[in-house]
Amino acid sequence: SHFRPMIDEYECLLTGNIIIQERTRGVGVLPAELAKSFGCTGPNLRASGVAYDVRKNRPYGYYDRFDFKMATATAGDSWSRYAVRIEEMRQSLRIIEQALEQMPKSGPVLAKVPGVVKVAPGRYLSRVEAARGEIAYYLVGDGSPKPYRAKIRSPNFSNLAAFPHIVAGWRVADVVTILSTFDVVIPDIDR
């Protein structure tokens, strides 16, 4: 893959940089128990030593066909969150390469999807692993074209909820580092 050299370049510029290491190691530690208590998911949780990834723990789609490693670290600090995301880029490339190898070489490329999907009566919960963690979709259907209730749980709200508990006592410059490695999308938290 031609993306591997780009990741190597990031690593060359950042991972070996002593200033980056000193500004991130031990900074903004998110302990595993605190991460779990707030419902954190994704790289923030895995950087705290909790091995949970929906693609591995509750496989969906074709993820059970792919050989990839769950990126984890144990320190829970800004450095660990950075390291987990770098490894996740490498693992994403592995998944993409395997998906391309397994993709049928001929046949239709578009699925026919109905314009309106009726939700059968009942309650439904589906989860996917996104770049920032687990996204959960909860629907309550009554048989009509519109679900009675629809809720999308973004990982950003839970991840941000833990943030105030780990920034106390840090300098403003460190708070910027911590928030950056949390990788929270603020407009996404109000779902």
Protein backbone atom coordinates (compact mmCIF):
# COMPACT_ATOMS: atom_id res chain seq x y z
CA SER A 1 0.00 0.00 0.00
CA HIS A 2 1.27 3.45 -0.83
CA PHE A 3 -0.12 4.76 2.48
CA ARG A 4 2.40 2.82 4.59
CA PRO A 5 5.24 5.26 3.82
CA MET A 6 2.98 8.13 4.92
CA ILE A 7 2.39 6.48 8.30
CA ASP A 8 6.12 5.78 8.55
CA GLU A 9 6.73 9.46 7.89
CA TYR A 10 4.34 10.47 10.70
CA GLU A 11 6.20 8.11 12.98
CA CYS A 12 9.57 9.49 11.90
CA LEU A 13 8.45 13.05 12.53
CA LEU A 14 6.50 12.50 15.75
CA THR A 15 7.19 9.19 17.49
CA GLY A 16 10.93 9.68 17.75
CA ASN A 17 10.65 13.37 18.60
CA ILE A 18 11.81 13.87 22.19
CA ILE A 19 9.72 17.04 22.57
CA ILE A 20 6.54 15.19 21.57
CA GLN A 21 7.40 12.39 23.98
CA GLU A 22 8.05 14.76 26.88
CA ARG A 23 4.83 16.71 26.19
CA THR A 24 2.65 13.58 26.02
CA ARG A 25 4.08 10.82 28.25
CA GLY A 26 2.30 10.81 31.60
CA VAL A 27 0.10 13.74 30.54
CA GLY A 28 -3.67 13.44 30.92
CA VAL A 29 -3.84 9.88 32.23
CA LEU A 30 -7.25 8.26 31.80
CA PRO A 31 -7.28 5.24 34.13
CA ALA A 32 -9.09 2.15 32.83
CA GLU A 33 -11.70 2.17 35.61
CA LEU A 34 -12.54 5.84 35.02
CA ALA A 35 -12.77 5.23 31.26
CA LYS A 36 -15.16 2.31 31.80
CA SER A 37 -17.26 4.23 34.35
CA PHE A 38 -17.90 6.99 31.80
CA GLY A 39 -18.59 4.55 28.95
CA CYS A 40 -15.55 5.63 26.95
CA THR A 41 -14.90 3.56 23.84
CA GLY A 42 -12.47 3.43 20.96
CA PRO A 43 -8.84 4.53 21.09
CA ASN A 44 -9.33 6.41 24.38
CA LEU A 45 -10.48 3.24 26.12
CA ARG A 46 -7.93 0.96 24.43
CA ALA A 47 -5.09 3.37 25.32
CA SER A 48 -6.08 2.81 28.96
CA GLY A 49 -5.51 -0.92 28.67
CA VAL A 50 -9.07 -2.10 28.02
CA ALA A 51 -9.15 -4.41 25.01
CA TYR A 52 -12.58 -3.65 23.56
CA ASP A 53 -13.26 -3.12 19.87
CA VAL A 54 -16.70 -3.87 18.44
CA ARG A 55 -15.08 -5.40 15.34
CA LYS A 56 -13.36 -8.01 17.55
CA ASN A 57 -15.71 -8.35 20.54
CA ARG A 58 -19.00 -8.30 18.60
CA PRO A 59 -18.02 -8.84 14.95
CA TYR A 60 -20.40 -7.54 12.32
CA GLY A 61 -20.31 -7.38 8.54
CA TYR A 62 -17.18 -9.11 7.28
CA TYR A 63 -14.83 -8.28 10.14
CA ASP A 64 -14.67 -11.91 11.24
CA ARG A 65 -12.96 -12.66 7.89
CA PHE A 66 -10.10 -10.23 8.47
CA ASP A 67 -6.89 -10.78 10.36
CA PHE A 68 -6.04 -7.60 12.27
CA LYS A 69 -4.69 -6.67 15.66
CA MET A 70 -6.60 -4.64 18.22
CA ALA A 71 -4.43 -1.62 18.98
CA THR A 72 -4.01 -1.18 22.73
CA ALA A 73 -1.69 0.48 25.22
CA THR A 74 -1.66 0.52 29.01
CA ALA A 75 -0.57 3.92 30.33
CA GLY A 76 -3.79 5.77 29.41
CA ASP A 77 -1.86 8.98 28.78
CA SER A 78 -1.72 11.29 25.76
CA TRP A 79 1.24 9.32 24.36
CA SER A 80 -0.73 6.06 24.55
CA ARG A 81 -3.70 7.61 22.77
CA TYR A 82 -1.36 8.80 20.01
CA ALA A 83 0.35 5.39 19.76
CA VAL A 84 -2.99 3.56 19.56
CA ARG A 85 -4.16 5.80 16.71
CA ILE A 86 -0.93 5.26 14.77
CA GLU A 87 -1.30 1.49 15.14
CA GLU A 88 -4.97 1.73 14.14
CA MET A 89 -3.95 3.37 10.86
CA ARG A 90 -1.65 0.41 10.18
CA GLN A 91 -4.36 -2.09 11.08
CA SER A 92 -6.91 -0.24 8.91
CA LEU A 93 -4.58 -0.70 5.96
CA ARG A 94 -4.40 -4.43 6.74
CA ILE A 95 -8.20 -4.63 6.76
CA ILE A 96 -8.52 -2.68 3.49
CA GLU A 97 -5.92 -4.87 1.77
CA GLN A 98 -7.72 -8.04 2.87
CA ALA A 99 -11.09 -6.65 1.83
CA LEU A 100 -9.72 -5.87 -1.64
CA GLU A 101 -8.25 -9.38 -1.94
CA GLN A 102 -11.55 -10.98 -0.91
CA MET A 103 -13.75 -8.76 -3.05
CA PRO A 104 -15.39 -10.57 -5.96
CA LYS A 105 -13.66 -9.73 -9.24
CA SER A 106 -16.93 -9.50 -11.15
CA GLY A 107 -20.60 -8.94 -10.53
CA PRO A 108 -22.80 -6.05 -9.49
CA VAL A 109 -21.15 -3.18 -7.66
CA LEU A 110 -24.29 -1.47 -6.37
CA ALA A 111 -26.95 -2.96 -4.13
CA LYS A 112 -30.59 -2.18 -4.75
CA VAL A 113 -31.88 -0.47 -1.63
CA PRO A 114 -35.55 0.40 -1.24
CA GLY A 115 -36.38 4.09 -0.94
CA VAL A 116 -38.23 3.51 2.34
CA VAL A 117 -37.22 0.87 4.84
CA LYS A 118 -40.00 -0.15 7.20
CA VAL A 119 -38.89 -0.98 10.72
CA ALA A 120 -40.67 -4.10 11.92
CA PRO A 121 -42.29 -3.83 15.34
CA GLY A 122 -39.74 -4.30 18.09
CA ARG A 123 -36.56 -2.88 19.58
CA TYR A 124 -33.25 -2.97 17.74
CA LEU A 125 -29.71 -2.16 18.79
CA SER A 126 -26.78 -2.22 16.42
CA ARG A 127 -23.17 -1.21 17.05
CA VAL A 128 -20.27 -0.31 14.82
CA GLU A 129 -16.68 0.67 15.55
CA ALA A 130 -15.88 4.13 14.23
CA ALA A 131 -12.65 6.10 14.36
CA ARG A 132 -13.48 7.59 17.78
CA GLY A 133 -15.21 4.57 19.29
CA GLU A 134 -18.47 2.69 19.34
CA ILE A 135 -21.50 4.18 17.63
CA ALA A 136 -24.75 2.56 18.71
CA TYR A 137 -28.04 2.80 16.83
CA TYR A 138 -31.19 2.14 18.81
CA LEU A 139 -34.57 1.89 17.08
CA VAL A 140 -38.07 1.12 18.29
CA GLY A 141 -40.30 0.18 15.39
CA ASP A 142 -44.06 -0.02 15.18
CA GLY A 143 -44.24 -1.31 11.59
CA SER A 144 -44.55 2.11 9.95
CA PRO A 145 -41.95 3.62 7.63
CA LYS A 146 -40.73 5.80 10.49
CA PRO A 147 -39.41 4.28 13.71
CA TYR A 148 -41.24 5.22 16.88
CA ARG A 149 -37.92 6.09 18.50
CA ALA A 150 -34.44 6.53 17.06
CA LYS A 151 -31.31 7.21 19.10
CA ILE A 152 -27.73 7.39 17.89
CA ARG A 153 -25.12 7.12 20.62
CA SER A 154 -21.90 8.79 19.57
CA PRO A 155 -18.65 7.96 21.36
CA ASN A 156 -17.80 11.65 21.67
CA PHE A 157 -20.21 12.43 24.52
CA SER A 158 -18.86 9.71 26.83
CA ASN A 159 -15.28 10.42 25.90
CA LEU A 160 -15.73 14.13 26.60
CA ALA A 161 -17.49 13.42 29.91
CA ALA A 162 -14.27 11.90 31.27
CA PHE A 163 -12.19 14.87 30.12
CA PRO A 164 -12.74 17.23 33.11
CA HIS A 165 -11.63 14.48 35.49
CA ILE A 166 -8.20 14.15 33.92
CA VAL A 167 -7.29 17.77 33.14
CA ALA A 168 -7.41 19.15 36.67
CA GLY A 169 -4.02 20.51 37.68
CA TRP A 170 -2.50 20.55 34.20
CA ARG A 171 -1.22 23.67 32.44
CA VAL A 172 -3.30 25.18 29.63
CA ALA A 173 -0.78 23.94 27.04
CA ASP A 174 -1.16 20.42 28.44
CA VAL A 175 -4.95 20.70 28.32
CA VAL A 176 -4.65 21.40 24.58
CA THR A 177 -2.51 18.25 24.22
CA ILE A 178 -4.96 16.16 26.22
CA LEU A 179 -7.98 17.40 24.27
CA SER A 180 -6.15 16.82 20.99
CA THR A 181 -5.34 13.22 21.86
CA PHE A 182 -8.93 12.67 23.03
CA ASP A 183 -9.94 13.55 19.45
CA VAL A 184 -13.45 14.67 20.41
CA VAL A 185 -15.79 16.19 17.84
CA ILE A 186 -17.73 18.74 19.89
CA PRO A 187 -20.71 19.25 17.49
CA ASP A 188 -21.28 15.49 17.59
CA ILE A 189 -21.97 15.28 21.34
CA ASP A 190 -25.56 16.60 21.31
CA ARG A 191 -27.27 13.60 19.72
